[in-house]
Amino acid sequence: LGEERDAALKAVLTADQQKEWDSRL
């Protein structure tokens, strides 16, 4: 259930937003 949620959340981001999120981690 958590993995499905994680995938759904990340799918909302654009490629640039995903890159920014990774940098903030």
mmCIF file of all heavy atoms, coordinates in Angstrom:
data_MODEL
# 
_entry.id   MODEL 
# 
loop_
_atom_site.group_PDB 
_atom_site.id 
_atom_site.type_symbol 
_atom_site.label_atom_id 
_atom_site.label_alt_id 
_atom_site.label_comp_id 
_atom_site.label_asym_id 
_atom_site.label_entity_id 
_atom_site.label_seq_id 
_atom_site.pdbx_PDB_ins_code 
_atom_site.Cartn_x 
_atom_site.Cartn_y 
_atom_site.Cartn_z 
_atom_site.occupancy 
_atom_site.B_iso_or_equiv 
_atom_site.pdbx_formal_charge 
_atom_site.auth_seq_id 
_atom_site.auth_comp_id 
_atom_site.auth_asym_id 
_atom_site.auth_atom_id 
_atom_site.pdbx_PDB_model_num 
ATOM 1   N N   . LEU A 1 1  ? 0.832  -1.200 0.000   1.00 0.00 ? 1  LEU A N   1 
ATOM 2   C CA  . LEU A 1 1  ? 0.000  0.000  0.000   1.00 0.00 ? 1  LEU A CA  1 
ATOM 3   C C   . LEU A 1 1  ? 0.868  1.253  0.000   1.00 0.00 ? 1  LEU A C   1 
ATOM 4   O O   . LEU A 1 1  ? 0.595  2.218  -0.726  1.00 0.00 ? 1  LEU A O   1 
ATOM 5   C CB  . LEU A 1 1  ? -0.918 -0.006 1.224   1.00 0.00 ? 1  LEU A CB  1 
ATOM 6   C CG  . LEU A 1 1  ? -1.942 1.130  1.321   1.00 0.00 ? 1  LEU A CG  1 
ATOM 7   C CD1 . LEU A 1 1  ? -2.907 1.080  0.140   1.00 0.00 ? 1  LEU A CD1 1 
ATOM 8   C CD2 . LEU A 1 1  ? -2.713 1.027  2.640   1.00 0.00 ? 1  LEU A CD2 1 
ATOM 9   N N   . GLY A 1 2  ? 1.944  1.237  0.794   1.00 0.00 ? 2  GLY A N   1 
ATOM 10  C CA  . GLY A 1 2  ? 2.850  2.378  0.843   1.00 0.00 ? 2  GLY A CA  1 
ATOM 11  C C   . GLY A 1 2  ? 3.587  2.587  -0.466  1.00 0.00 ? 2  GLY A C   1 
ATOM 12  O O   . GLY A 1 2  ? 3.771  3.727  -0.909  1.00 0.00 ? 2  GLY A O   1 
ATOM 13  N N   . GLU A 1 3  ? 4.001  1.491  -1.091  1.00 0.00 ? 3  GLU A N   1 
ATOM 14  C CA  . GLU A 1 3  ? 4.709  1.590  -2.368  1.00 0.00 ? 3  GLU A CA  1 
ATOM 15  C C   . GLU A 1 3  ? 3.800  2.150  -3.464  1.00 0.00 ? 3  GLU A C   1 
ATOM 16  O O   . GLU A 1 3  ? 4.230  2.949  -4.295  1.00 0.00 ? 3  GLU A O   1 
ATOM 17  C CB  . GLU A 1 3  ? 5.245  0.216  -2.763  1.00 0.00 ? 3  GLU A CB  1 
ATOM 18  C CG  . GLU A 1 3  ? 6.395  -0.266 -1.874  1.00 0.00 ? 3  GLU A CG  1 
ATOM 19  C CD  . GLU A 1 3  ? 6.811  -1.691 -2.164  1.00 0.00 ? 3  GLU A CD  1 
ATOM 20  O OE1 . GLU A 1 3  ? 6.068  -2.375 -2.935  1.00 0.00 ? 3  GLU A OE1 1 
ATOM 21  O OE2 . GLU A 1 3  ? 7.852  -2.144 -1.653  1.00 0.00 ? 3  GLU A OE2 1 
ATOM 22  N N   . GLU A 1 4  ? 2.538  1.720  -3.450  1.00 0.00 ? 4  GLU A N   1 
ATOM 23  C CA  . GLU A 1 4  ? 1.580  2.236  -4.428  1.00 0.00 ? 4  GLU A CA  1 
ATOM 24  C C   . GLU A 1 4  ? 1.347  3.729  -4.221  1.00 0.00 ? 4  GLU A C   1 
ATOM 25  O O   . GLU A 1 4  ? 1.251  4.493  -5.185  1.00 0.00 ? 4  GLU A O   1 
ATOM 26  C CB  . GLU A 1 4  ? 0.262  1.468  -4.307  1.00 0.00 ? 4  GLU A CB  1 
ATOM 27  C CG  . GLU A 1 4  ? 0.357  0.016  -4.755  1.00 0.00 ? 4  GLU A CG  1 
ATOM 28  C CD  . GLU A 1 4  ? -0.922 -0.759 -4.489  1.00 0.00 ? 4  GLU A CD  1 
ATOM 29  O OE1 . GLU A 1 4  ? -1.795 -0.212 -3.767  1.00 0.00 ? 4  GLU A OE1 1 
ATOM 30  O OE2 . GLU A 1 4  ? -1.044 -1.895 -4.976  1.00 0.00 ? 4  GLU A OE2 1 
ATOM 31  N N   . ARG A 1 5  ? 1.259  4.130  -2.958  1.00 0.00 ? 5  ARG A N   1 
ATOM 32  C CA  . ARG A 1 5  ? 1.087  5.553  -2.639  1.00 0.00 ? 5  ARG A CA  1 
ATOM 33  C C   . ARG A 1 5  ? 2.301  6.351  -3.100  1.00 0.00 ? 5  ARG A C   1 
ATOM 34  O O   . ARG A 1 5  ? 2.154  7.429  -3.702  1.00 0.00 ? 5  ARG A O   1 
ATOM 35  C CB  . ARG A 1 5  ? 0.873  5.720  -1.136  1.00 0.00 ? 5  ARG A CB  1 
ATOM 36  C CG  . ARG A 1 5  ? 0.552  7.131  -0.631  1.00 0.00 ? 5  ARG A CG  1 
ATOM 37  C CD  . ARG A 1 5  ? 1.777  8.019  -0.410  1.00 0.00 ? 5  ARG A CD  1 
ATOM 38  N NE  . ARG A 1 5  ? 2.857  7.348  0.256   1.00 0.00 ? 5  ARG A NE  1 
ATOM 39  C CZ  . ARG A 1 5  ? 3.006  7.320  1.588   1.00 0.00 ? 5  ARG A CZ  1 
ATOM 40  N NH1 . ARG A 1 5  ? 2.130  7.931  2.343   1.00 0.00 ? 5  ARG A NH1 1 
ATOM 41  N NH2 . ARG A 1 5  ? 4.038  6.704  2.128   1.00 0.00 ? 5  ARG A NH2 1 
ATOM 42  N N   . ASP A 1 6  ? 3.491  5.842  -2.821  1.00 0.00 ? 6  ASP A N   1 
ATOM 43  C CA  . ASP A 1 6  ? 4.722  6.539  -3.200  1.00 0.00 ? 6  ASP A CA  1 
ATOM 44  C C   . ASP A 1 6  ? 4.794  6.751  -4.710  1.00 0.00 ? 6  ASP A C   1 
ATOM 45  O O   . ASP A 1 6  ? 5.145  7.831  -5.187  1.00 0.00 ? 6  ASP A O   1 
ATOM 46  C CB  . ASP A 1 6  ? 5.945  5.746  -2.738  1.00 0.00 ? 6  ASP A CB  1 
ATOM 47  C CG  . ASP A 1 6  ? 6.086  5.736  -1.226  1.00 0.00 ? 6  ASP A CG  1 
ATOM 48  O OD1 . ASP A 1 6  ? 5.371  6.512  -0.555  1.00 0.00 ? 6  ASP A OD1 1 
ATOM 49  O OD2 . ASP A 1 6  ? 6.897  4.939  -0.711  1.00 0.00 ? 6  ASP A OD2 1 
ATOM 50  N N   . ALA A 1 7  ? 4.476  5.703  -5.453  1.00 0.00 ? 7  ALA A N   1 
ATOM 51  C CA  . ALA A 1 7  ? 4.528  5.788  -6.915  1.00 0.00 ? 7  ALA A CA  1 
ATOM 52  C C   . ALA A 1 7  ? 3.513  6.799  -7.435  1.00 0.00 ? 7  ALA A C   1 
ATOM 53  O O   . ALA A 1 7  ? 3.807  7.576  -8.351  1.00 0.00 ? 7  ALA A O   1 
ATOM 54  C CB  . ALA A 1 7  ? 4.266  4.416  -7.528  1.00 0.00 ? 7  ALA A CB  1 
ATOM 55  N N   . ALA A 1 8  ? 2.314  6.809  -6.825  1.00 0.00 ? 8  ALA A N   1 
ATOM 56  C CA  . ALA A 1 8  ? 1.277  7.740  -7.257  1.00 0.00 ? 8  ALA A CA  1 
ATOM 57  C C   . ALA A 1 8  ? 1.657  9.180  -6.950  1.00 0.00 ? 8  ALA A C   1 
ATOM 58  O O   . ALA A 1 8  ? 1.390  10.088 -7.746  1.00 0.00 ? 8  ALA A O   1 
ATOM 59  C CB  . ALA A 1 8  ? -0.050 7.386  -6.581  1.00 0.00 ? 8  ALA A CB  1 
ATOM 60  N N   . LEU A 1 9  ? 2.292  9.410  -5.812  1.00 0.00 ? 9  LEU A N   1 
ATOM 61  C CA  . LEU A 1 9  ? 2.728  10.762 -5.452  1.00 0.00 ? 9  LEU A CA  1 
ATOM 62  C C   . LEU A 1 9  ? 3.806  11.262 -6.408  1.00 0.00 ? 9  LEU A C   1 
ATOM 63  O O   . LEU A 1 9  ? 3.741  12.391 -6.905  1.00 0.00 ? 9  LEU A O   1 
ATOM 64  C CB  . LEU A 1 9  ? 3.247  10.786 -4.015  1.00 0.00 ? 9  LEU A CB  1 
ATOM 65  C CG  . LEU A 1 9  ? 2.220  10.655 -2.889  1.00 0.00 ? 9  LEU A CG  1 
ATOM 66  C CD1 . LEU A 1 9  ? 2.921  10.518 -1.538  1.00 0.00 ? 9  LEU A CD1 1 
ATOM 67  C CD2 . LEU A 1 9  ? 1.285  11.858 -2.862  1.00 0.00 ? 9  LEU A CD2 1 
ATOM 68  N N   . LYS A 1 10 ? 4.785  10.434 -6.676  1.00 0.00 ? 10 LYS A N   1 
ATOM 69  C CA  . LYS A 1 10 ? 5.883  10.842 -7.557  1.00 0.00 ? 10 LYS A CA  1 
ATOM 70  C C   . LYS A 1 10 ? 5.397  11.082 -8.981  1.00 0.00 ? 10 LYS A C   1 
ATOM 71  O O   . LYS A 1 10 ? 5.949  11.928 -9.695  1.00 0.00 ? 10 LYS A O   1 
ATOM 72  C CB  . LYS A 1 10 ? 6.972  9.766  -7.553  1.00 0.00 ? 10 LYS A CB  1 
ATOM 73  C CG  . LYS A 1 10 ? 7.753  9.683  -6.250  1.00 0.00 ? 10 LYS A CG  1 
ATOM 74  C CD  . LYS A 1 10 ? 8.832  8.615  -6.332  1.00 0.00 ? 10 LYS A CD  1 
ATOM 75  C CE  . LYS A 1 10 ? 9.633  8.536  -5.039  1.00 0.00 ? 10 LYS A CE  1 
ATOM 76  N NZ  . LYS A 1 10 ? 10.682 7.480  -5.099  1.00 0.00 ? 10 LYS A NZ  1 
ATOM 77  N N   . ALA A 1 11 ? 4.375  10.342 -9.390  1.00 0.00 ? 11 ALA A N   1 
ATOM 78  C CA  . ALA A 1 11 ? 3.860  10.475 -10.755 1.00 0.00 ? 11 ALA A CA  1 
ATOM 79  C C   . ALA A 1 11 ? 3.242  11.847 -11.006 1.00 0.00 ? 11 ALA A C   1 
ATOM 80  O O   . ALA A 1 11 ? 3.108  12.263 -12.159 1.00 0.00 ? 11 ALA A O   1 
ATOM 81  C CB  . ALA A 1 11 ? 2.829  9.380  -11.034 1.00 0.00 ? 11 ALA A CB  1 
ATOM 82  N N   . VAL A 1 12 ? 2.896  12.553 -9.947  1.00 0.00 ? 12 VAL A N   1 
ATOM 83  C CA  . VAL A 1 12 ? 2.302  13.883 -10.079 1.00 0.00 ? 12 VAL A CA  1 
ATOM 84  C C   . VAL A 1 12 ? 3.352  14.916 -10.479 1.00 0.00 ? 12 VAL A C   1 
ATOM 85  O O   . VAL A 1 12 ? 3.046  15.916 -11.123 1.00 0.00 ? 12 VAL A O   1 
ATOM 86  C CB  . VAL A 1 12 ? 1.615  14.301 -8.757  1.00 0.00 ? 12 VAL A CB  1 
ATOM 87  C CG1 . VAL A 1 12 ? 1.092  15.738 -8.830  1.00 0.00 ? 12 VAL A CG1 1 
ATOM 88  C CG2 . VAL A 1 12 ? 0.478  13.342 -8.422  1.00 0.00 ? 12 VAL A CG2 1 
ATOM 89  N N   . LEU A 1 13 ? 4.615  14.672 -10.126 1.00 0.00 ? 13 LEU A N   1 
ATOM 90  C CA  . LEU A 1 13 ? 5.688  15.632 -10.373 1.00 0.00 ? 13 LEU A CA  1 
ATOM 91  C C   . LEU A 1 13 ? 6.144  15.617 -11.827 1.00 0.00 ? 13 LEU A C   1 
ATOM 92  O O   . LEU A 1 13 ? 6.121  14.586 -12.492 1.00 0.00 ? 13 LEU A O   1 
ATOM 93  C CB  . LEU A 1 13 ? 6.892  15.319 -9.476  1.00 0.00 ? 13 LEU A CB  1 
ATOM 94  C CG  . LEU A 1 13 ? 6.668  15.261 -7.972  1.00 0.00 ? 13 LEU A CG  1 
ATOM 95  C CD1 . LEU A 1 13 ? 7.988  14.981 -7.266  1.00 0.00 ? 13 LEU A CD1 1 
ATOM 96  C CD2 . LEU A 1 13 ? 6.049  16.551 -7.454  1.00 0.00 ? 13 LEU A CD2 1 
ATOM 97  N N   . THR A 1 14 ? 6.583  16.785 -12.304 1.00 0.00 ? 14 THR A N   1 
ATOM 98  C CA  . THR A 1 14 ? 7.245  16.854 -13.600 1.00 0.00 ? 14 THR A CA  1 
ATOM 99  C C   . THR A 1 14 ? 8.684  16.368 -13.427 1.00 0.00 ? 14 THR A C   1 
ATOM 100 O O   . THR A 1 14 ? 9.162  16.178 -12.300 1.00 0.00 ? 14 THR A O   1 
ATOM 101 C CB  . THR A 1 14 ? 7.262  18.289 -14.130 1.00 0.00 ? 14 THR A CB  1 
ATOM 102 O OG1 . THR A 1 14 ? 8.089  19.097 -13.261 1.00 0.00 ? 14 THR A OG1 1 
ATOM 103 C CG2 . THR A 1 14 ? 5.865  18.877 -14.186 1.00 0.00 ? 14 THR A CG2 1 
ATOM 104 N N   . ALA A 1 15 ? 9.383  16.187 -14.522 1.00 0.00 ? 15 ALA A N   1 
ATOM 105 C CA  . ALA A 1 15 ? 10.771 15.735 -14.452 1.00 0.00 ? 15 ALA A CA  1 
ATOM 106 C C   . ALA A 1 15 ? 11.634 16.735 -13.685 1.00 0.00 ? 15 ALA A C   1 
ATOM 107 O O   . ALA A 1 15 ? 12.489 16.357 -12.872 1.00 0.00 ? 15 ALA A O   1 
ATOM 108 C CB  . ALA A 1 15 ? 11.322 15.525 -15.864 1.00 0.00 ? 15 ALA A CB  1 
ATOM 109 N N   . ASP A 1 16 ? 11.420 18.032 -13.925 1.00 0.00 ? 16 ASP A N   1 
ATOM 110 C CA  . ASP A 1 16 ? 12.198 19.059 -13.233 1.00 0.00 ? 16 ASP A CA  1 
ATOM 111 C C   . ASP A 1 16 ? 11.875 19.078 -11.744 1.00 0.00 ? 16 ASP A C   1 
ATOM 112 O O   . ASP A 1 16 ? 12.775 19.259 -10.904 1.00 0.00 ? 16 ASP A O   1 
ATOM 113 C CB  . ASP A 1 16 ? 11.910 20.436 -13.837 1.00 0.00 ? 16 ASP A CB  1 
ATOM 114 C CG  . ASP A 1 16 ? 12.544 20.616 -15.207 1.00 0.00 ? 16 ASP A CG  1 
ATOM 115 O OD1 . ASP A 1 16 ? 13.470 19.844 -15.530 1.00 0.00 ? 16 ASP A OD1 1 
ATOM 116 O OD2 . ASP A 1 16 ? 12.108 21.520 -15.943 1.00 0.00 ? 16 ASP A OD2 1 
ATOM 117 N N   . GLN A 1 17 ? 10.613 18.885 -11.402 1.00 0.00 ? 17 GLN A N   1 
ATOM 118 C CA  . GLN A 1 17 ? 10.222 18.868 -9.991  1.00 0.00 ? 17 GLN A CA  1 
ATOM 119 C C   . GLN A 1 17 ? 10.801 17.649 -9.278  1.00 0.00 ? 17 GLN A C   1 
ATOM 120 O O   . GLN A 1 17 ? 11.211 17.734 -8.124  1.00 0.00 ? 17 GLN A O   1 
ATOM 121 C CB  . GLN A 1 17 ? 8.698  18.888 -9.857  1.00 0.00 ? 17 GLN A CB  1 
ATOM 122 C CG  . GLN A 1 17 ? 8.082  20.234 -10.222 1.00 0.00 ? 17 GLN A CG  1 
ATOM 123 C CD  . GLN A 1 17 ? 6.571  20.165 -10.363 1.00 0.00 ? 17 GLN A CD  1 
ATOM 124 O OE1 . GLN A 1 17 ? 6.002  19.110 -10.618 1.00 0.00 ? 17 GLN A OE1 1 
ATOM 125 N NE2 . GLN A 1 17 ? 5.914  21.300 -10.195 1.00 0.00 ? 17 GLN A NE2 1 
ATOM 126 N N   . GLN A 1 18 ? 10.823 16.515 -9.982  1.00 0.00 ? 18 GLN A N   1 
ATOM 127 C CA  . GLN A 1 18 ? 11.417 15.311 -9.416  1.00 0.00 ? 18 GLN A CA  1 
ATOM 128 C C   . GLN A 1 18 ? 12.904 15.527 -9.142  1.00 0.00 ? 18 GLN A C   1 
ATOM 129 O O   . GLN A 1 18 ? 13.423 15.122 -8.100  1.00 0.00 ? 18 GLN A O   1 
ATOM 130 C CB  . GLN A 1 18 ? 11.241 14.135 -10.376 1.00 0.00 ? 18 GLN A CB  1 
ATOM 131 C CG  . GLN A 1 18 ? 11.866 12.826 -9.896  1.00 0.00 ? 18 GLN A CG  1 
ATOM 132 C CD  . GLN A 1 18 ? 11.187 12.277 -8.663  1.00 0.00 ? 18 GLN A CD  1 
ATOM 133 O OE1 . GLN A 1 18 ? 10.013 11.960 -8.695  1.00 0.00 ? 18 GLN A OE1 1 
ATOM 134 N NE2 . GLN A 1 18 ? 11.928 12.156 -7.565  1.00 0.00 ? 18 GLN A NE2 1 
ATOM 135 N N   . LYS A 1 19 ? 13.566 16.200 -10.061 1.00 0.00 ? 19 LYS A N   1 
ATOM 136 C CA  . LYS A 1 19 ? 14.985 16.501 -9.878  1.00 0.00 ? 19 LYS A CA  1 
ATOM 137 C C   . LYS A 1 19 ? 15.199 17.424 -8.678  1.00 0.00 ? 19 LYS A C   1 
ATOM 138 O O   . LYS A 1 19 ? 16.126 17.230 -7.879  1.00 0.00 ? 19 LYS A O   1 
ATOM 139 C CB  . LYS A 1 19 ? 15.551 17.155 -11.157 1.00 0.00 ? 19 LYS A CB  1 
ATOM 140 C CG  . LYS A 1 19 ? 17.037 17.432 -11.108 1.00 0.00 ? 19 LYS A CG  1 
ATOM 141 C CD  . LYS A 1 19 ? 17.522 18.010 -12.435 1.00 0.00 ? 19 LYS A CD  1 
ATOM 142 C CE  . LYS A 1 19 ? 19.010 18.295 -12.399 1.00 0.00 ? 19 LYS A CE  1 
ATOM 143 N NZ  . LYS A 1 19 ? 19.496 18.872 -13.689 1.00 0.00 ? 19 LYS A NZ  1 
ATOM 144 N N   . GLU A 1 20 ? 14.331 18.423 -8.538  1.00 0.00 ? 20 GLU A N   1 
ATOM 145 C CA  . GLU A 1 20 ? 14.425 19.349 -7.411  1.00 0.00 ? 20 GLU A CA  1 
ATOM 146 C C   . GLU A 1 20 ? 14.144 18.622 -6.096  1.00 0.00 ? 20 GLU A C   1 
ATOM 147 O O   . GLU A 1 20 ? 14.809 18.868 -5.092  1.00 0.00 ? 20 GLU A O   1 
ATOM 148 C CB  . GLU A 1 20 ? 13.428 20.499 -7.603  1.00 0.00 ? 20 GLU A CB  1 
ATOM 149 C CG  . GLU A 1 20 ? 13.388 21.506 -6.463  1.00 0.00 ? 20 GLU A CG  1 
ATOM 150 C CD  . GLU A 1 20 ? 14.683 22.283 -6.309  1.00 0.00 ? 20 GLU A CD  1 
ATOM 151 O OE1 . GLU A 1 20 ? 15.472 22.337 -7.280  1.00 0.00 ? 20 GLU A OE1 1 
ATOM 152 O OE2 . GLU A 1 20 ? 14.917 22.831 -5.205  1.00 0.00 ? 20 GLU A OE2 1 
ATOM 153 N N   . TRP A 1 21 ? 13.166 17.731 -6.096  1.00 0.00 ? 21 TRP A N   1 
ATOM 154 C CA  . TRP A 1 21 ? 12.841 16.949 -4.898  1.00 0.00 ? 21 TRP A CA  1 
ATOM 155 C C   . TRP A 1 21 ? 14.032 16.096 -4.471  1.00 0.00 ? 21 TRP A C   1 
ATOM 156 O O   . TRP A 1 21 ? 14.395 16.065 -3.291  1.00 0.00 ? 21 TRP A O   1 
ATOM 157 C CB  . TRP A 1 21 ? 11.621 16.073 -5.176  1.00 0.00 ? 21 TRP A CB  1 
ATOM 158 C CG  . TRP A 1 21 ? 11.362 14.980 -4.181  1.00 0.00 ? 21 TRP A CG  1 
ATOM 159 C CD1 . TRP A 1 21 ? 11.408 13.637 -4.409  1.00 0.00 ? 21 TRP A CD1 1 
ATOM 160 C CD2 . TRP A 1 21 ? 11.017 15.126 -2.797  1.00 0.00 ? 21 TRP A CD2 1 
ATOM 161 N NE1 . TRP A 1 21 ? 11.118 12.937 -3.272  1.00 0.00 ? 21 TRP A NE1 1 
ATOM 162 C CE2 . TRP A 1 21 ? 10.870 13.830 -2.262  1.00 0.00 ? 21 TRP A CE2 1 
ATOM 163 C CE3 . TRP A 1 21 ? 10.819 16.223 -1.969  1.00 0.00 ? 21 TRP A CE3 1 
ATOM 164 C CZ2 . TRP A 1 21 ? 10.544 13.595 -0.925  1.00 0.00 ? 21 TRP A CZ2 1 
ATOM 165 C CZ3 . TRP A 1 21 ? 10.488 16.002 -0.637  1.00 0.00 ? 21 TRP A CZ3 1 
ATOM 166 C CH2 . TRP A 1 21 ? 10.352 14.710 -0.129  1.00 0.00 ? 21 TRP A CH2 1 
ATOM 167 N N   . ASP A 1 22 ? 14.663 15.432 -5.420  1.00 0.00 ? 22 ASP A N   1 
ATOM 168 C CA  . ASP A 1 22 ? 15.831 14.603 -5.114  1.00 0.00 ? 22 ASP A CA  1 
ATOM 169 C C   . ASP A 1 22 ? 16.966 15.444 -4.531  1.00 0.00 ? 22 ASP A C   1 
ATOM 170 O O   . ASP A 1 22 ? 17.666 15.015 -3.608  1.00 0.00 ? 22 ASP A O   1 
ATOM 171 C CB  . ASP A 1 22 ? 16.320 13.875 -6.372  1.00 0.00 ? 22 ASP A CB  1 
ATOM 172 C CG  . ASP A 1 22 ? 15.357 12.794 -6.835  1.00 0.00 ? 22 ASP A CG  1 
ATOM 173 O OD1 . ASP A 1 22 ? 14.536 12.344 -6.011  1.00 0.00 ? 22 ASP A OD1 1 
ATOM 174 O OD2 . ASP A 1 22 ? 15.416 12.409 -8.025  1.00 0.00 ? 22 ASP A OD2 1 
ATOM 175 N N   . SER A 1 23 ? 17.135 16.662 -5.059  1.00 0.00 ? 23 SER A N   1 
ATOM 176 C CA  . SER A 1 23 ? 18.209 17.523 -4.567  1.00 0.00 ? 23 SER A CA  1 
ATOM 177 C C   . SER A 1 23 ? 17.936 17.980 -3.136  1.00 0.00 ? 23 SER A C   1 
ATOM 178 O O   . SER A 1 23 ? 18.858 18.160 -2.343  1.00 0.00 ? 23 SER A O   1 
ATOM 179 C CB  . SER A 1 23 ? 18.395 18.734 -5.482  1.00 0.00 ? 23 SER A CB  1 
ATOM 180 O OG  . SER A 1 23 ? 17.311 19.641 -5.359  1.00 0.00 ? 23 SER A OG  1 
ATOM 181 N N   . ARG A 1 24 ? 16.661 18.155 -2.809  1.00 0.00 ? 24 ARG A N   1 
ATOM 182 C CA  . ARG A 1 24 ? 16.298 18.590 -1.457  1.00 0.00 ? 24 ARG A CA  1 
ATOM 183 C C   . ARG A 1 24 ? 16.448 17.456 -0.437  1.00 0.00 ? 24 ARG A C   1 
ATOM 184 O O   . ARG A 1 24 ? 16.590 17.711 0.753   1.00 0.00 ? 24 ARG A O   1 
ATOM 185 C CB  . ARG A 1 24 ? 14.882 19.159 -1.433  1.00 0.00 ? 24 ARG A CB  1 
ATOM 186 C CG  . ARG A 1 24 ? 14.797 20.508 -2.125  1.00 0.00 ? 24 ARG A CG  1 
ATOM 187 C CD  . ARG A 1 24 ? 13.427 21.139 -2.058  1.00 0.00 ? 24 ARG A CD  1 
ATOM 188 N NE  . ARG A 1 24 ? 13.429 22.432 -2.737  1.00 0.00 ? 24 ARG A NE  1 
ATOM 189 C CZ  . ARG A 1 24 ? 13.813 23.568 -2.193  1.00 0.00 ? 24 ARG A CZ  1 
ATOM 190 N NH1 . ARG A 1 24 ? 14.225 23.579 -0.934  1.00 0.00 ? 24 ARG A NH1 1 
ATOM 191 N NH2 . ARG A 1 24 ? 13.801 24.692 -2.878  1.00 0.00 ? 24 ARG A NH2 1 
ATOM 192 N N   . LEU A 1 25 ? 16.402 16.226 -0.916  1.00 0.00 ? 25 LEU A N   1 
ATOM 193 C CA  . LEU A 1 25 ? 16.631 15.097 -0.019  1.00 0.00 ? 25 LEU A CA  1 
ATOM 194 C C   . LEU A 1 25 ? 18.107 14.965 0.341   1.00 0.00 ? 25 LEU A C   1 
ATOM 195 O O   . LEU A 1 25 ? 18.441 14.525 1.445   1.00 0.00 ? 25 LEU A O   1 
ATOM 196 C CB  . LEU A 1 25 ? 16.155 13.795 -0.673  1.00 0.00 ? 25 LEU A CB  1 
ATOM 197 C CG  . LEU A 1 25 ? 14.648 13.622 -0.850  1.00 0.00 ? 25 LEU A CG  1 
ATOM 198 C CD1 . LEU A 1 25 ? 14.364 12.324 -1.591  1.00 0.00 ? 25 LEU A CD1 1 
ATOM 199 C CD2 . LEU A 1 25 ? 13.929 13.648 0.485   1.00 0.00 ? 25 LEU A CD2 1 
# 
